[in-house]
Amino acid sequence: MEAYLWVHPAGGLLALSLLAAAAWTKLRPKKYYRLHYALALSAVTMIIVTIGVALYTIVRCSCNDFWPFSLIFHGLVALLFAVVILGQATMGISMLLFGRKPRLFRYHRLNARVVLGLAAPLALLGLTTLVLLLAS
């Protein structure tokens, strides 16, 4: 396995760690607003970079490589995750700029649960795909 292939799993773990830390800063009794915004912005940036590295990996392959079947599901969940996280970021930034409206805040909190709910299967499918790639 070439060295650049390790960048995607490492970036994904870092992105999910930043995402969990951003959620943790809002779930505590004392809310860390500025830290939440910094961690969320870092998480969204890492998610975009990680998806870019994944696309680079797929483009660079000779297409004779063994791609596990779990890669298809990992890609679909990652695409859905990217759409949901960009919606989450858009809601958060709009609340920061235009004020926190109760309805938008309620959707932001609901969407945060969806984001964290999609993060777990995404990580498990990624780990499964990595193990299958290493086994081949």
Protein backbone atom coordinates (compact mmCIF):
# COMPACT_ATOMS: atom_id res chain seq x y z
CA MET A 1 0.00 0.00 0.00
CA GLU A 2 1.46 3.32 -1.06
CA ALA A 3 2.05 6.08 1.45
CA TYR A 4 -0.51 8.51 0.03
CA LEU A 5 -3.25 5.95 0.70
CA TRP A 6 -2.78 6.46 4.44
CA VAL A 7 -3.58 10.17 4.18
CA HIS A 8 -7.29 9.56 3.63
CA PRO A 9 -7.89 7.37 6.73
CA ALA A 10 -5.77 9.67 8.89
CA GLY A 11 -7.61 12.75 7.62
CA GLY A 12 -10.95 11.03 8.15
CA LEU A 13 -10.10 10.14 11.75
CA LEU A 14 -8.94 13.71 12.39
CA ALA A 15 -12.12 15.12 10.81
CA LEU A 16 -14.38 12.87 12.88
CA SER A 17 -12.42 13.72 16.02
CA LEU A 18 -12.82 17.43 15.34
CA LEU A 19 -16.52 16.89 14.67
CA ALA A 20 -16.98 15.03 17.95
CA ALA A 21 -15.09 17.75 19.81
CA ALA A 22 -17.28 20.43 18.21
CA ALA A 23 -20.40 18.58 19.35
CA TRP A 24 -18.90 18.08 22.82
CA THR A 25 -18.34 21.83 23.27
CA LYS A 26 -22.08 22.44 22.87
CA LEU A 27 -23.32 19.47 24.91
CA ARG A 28 -21.63 20.57 28.12
CA PRO A 29 -23.35 22.73 30.74
CA LYS A 30 -20.86 25.50 29.99
CA LYS A 31 -21.06 26.30 26.29
CA TYR A 32 -17.81 27.12 24.49
CA TYR A 33 -19.15 29.14 21.58
CA ARG A 34 -15.91 30.34 19.98
CA LEU A 35 -14.27 26.95 20.41
CA HIS A 36 -17.35 25.33 18.86
CA TYR A 37 -17.10 27.56 15.78
CA ALA A 38 -13.34 26.96 15.42
CA LEU A 39 -13.67 23.19 15.78
CA ALA A 40 -16.66 23.02 13.42
CA LEU A 41 -14.86 25.07 10.77
CA SER A 42 -11.79 22.86 11.13
CA ALA A 43 -13.92 19.72 10.88
CA VAL A 44 -15.70 20.88 7.71
CA THR A 45 -12.36 21.83 6.16
CA MET A 46 -10.86 18.43 7.01
CA ILE A 47 -13.92 16.65 5.60
CA ILE A 48 -13.54 18.50 2.30
CA VAL A 49 -9.80 17.74 2.21
CA THR A 50 -10.44 14.08 3.03
CA ILE A 51 -12.98 13.75 0.22
CA GLY A 52 -10.51 15.41 -2.15
CA VAL A 53 -7.79 12.93 -1.18
CA ALA A 54 -10.22 10.06 -1.71
CA LEU A 55 -11.06 11.32 -5.21
CA TYR A 56 -7.34 11.69 -5.95
CA THR A 57 -6.78 8.11 -4.84
CA ILE A 58 -9.54 6.80 -7.10
CA VAL A 59 -8.32 8.83 -10.08
CA ARG A 60 -4.71 7.74 -9.57
CA CYS A 61 -5.52 4.02 -9.49
CA SER A 62 -4.84 1.92 -12.54
CA CYS A 63 -8.39 0.54 -12.22
CA ASN A 64 -6.98 -3.00 -12.15
CA ASP A 65 -6.76 -2.76 -8.40
CA PHE A 66 -8.98 -4.74 -6.08
CA TRP A 67 -11.66 -2.45 -4.68
CA PRO A 68 -13.77 -4.04 -1.93
CA PHE A 69 -17.54 -4.01 -2.18
CA SER A 70 -17.72 -2.02 1.06
CA LEU A 71 -16.10 0.89 -0.79
CA ILE A 72 -19.36 1.50 -2.66
CA PHE A 73 -21.31 1.83 0.59
CA HIS A 74 -18.54 3.90 2.17
CA GLY A 75 -18.68 6.27 -0.80
CA LEU A 76 -22.47 6.60 -0.68
CA VAL A 77 -22.52 7.25 3.07
CA ALA A 78 -19.64 9.72 2.66
CA LEU A 79 -21.54 11.60 -0.06
CA LEU A 80 -24.65 11.78 2.12
CA PHE A 81 -22.48 12.81 5.08
CA ALA A 82 -20.86 15.59 3.04
CA VAL A 83 -24.25 16.99 2.00
CA VAL A 84 -25.58 16.88 5.56
CA ILE A 85 -22.42 18.43 7.06
CA LEU A 86 -22.47 21.26 4.51
CA GLY A 87 -26.11 21.91 5.42
CA GLN A 88 -25.14 21.89 9.08
CA ALA A 89 -22.33 24.38 8.45
CA THR A 90 -24.65 26.60 6.42
CA MET A 91 -27.21 26.67 9.22
CA GLY A 92 -24.54 27.43 11.81
CA ILE A 93 -23.00 30.27 9.83
CA SER A 94 -26.39 31.78 9.03
CA MET A 95 -27.30 31.73 12.73
CA LEU A 96 -23.97 33.37 13.54
CA LEU A 97 -24.49 36.12 10.95
CA PHE A 98 -28.23 36.74 11.13
CA GLY A 99 -29.08 35.78 14.70
CA ARG A 100 -30.36 32.60 16.23
CA LYS A 101 -33.93 32.05 15.17
CA PRO A 102 -35.70 29.34 17.20
CA ARG A 103 -36.83 27.29 14.22
CA LEU A 104 -33.41 27.30 12.56
CA PHE A 105 -31.74 26.46 15.87
CA ARG A 106 -34.08 23.50 16.31
CA TYR A 107 -33.20 22.20 12.82
CA HIS A 108 -29.50 22.78 13.52
CA ARG A 109 -29.70 20.66 16.66
CA LEU A 110 -31.68 17.92 14.87
CA ASN A 111 -29.24 17.91 11.97
CA ALA A 112 -26.33 17.63 14.44
CA ARG A 113 -27.77 14.33 15.62
CA VAL A 114 -28.05 13.16 12.01
CA VAL A 115 -24.42 14.17 11.37
CA LEU A 116 -23.18 12.26 14.39
CA GLY A 117 -25.42 9.33 13.47
CA LEU A 118 -23.88 9.17 9.98
CA ALA A 119 -20.33 9.53 11.33
CA ALA A 120 -20.38 6.13 13.07
CA PRO A 121 -21.31 3.96 10.05
CA LEU A 122 -19.00 6.03 7.86
CA ALA A 123 -16.06 5.28 10.17
CA LEU A 124 -16.99 1.58 10.43
CA LEU A 125 -17.33 1.19 6.66
CA GLY A 126 -14.03 3.02 6.19
CA LEU A 127 -12.31 0.75 8.68
CA THR A 128 -13.79 -2.32 7.00
CA THR A 129 -12.63 -1.10 3.59
CA LEU A 130 -9.14 -0.39 4.91
CA VAL A 131 -8.86 -3.86 6.44
CA LEU A 132 -10.04 -5.47 3.20
CA LEU A 133 -7.55 -3.43 1.18
CA LEU A 134 -4.72 -4.42 3.49
CA ALA A 135 -5.74 -8.08 3.32
CA SER A 136 -5.62 -8.15 -0.47
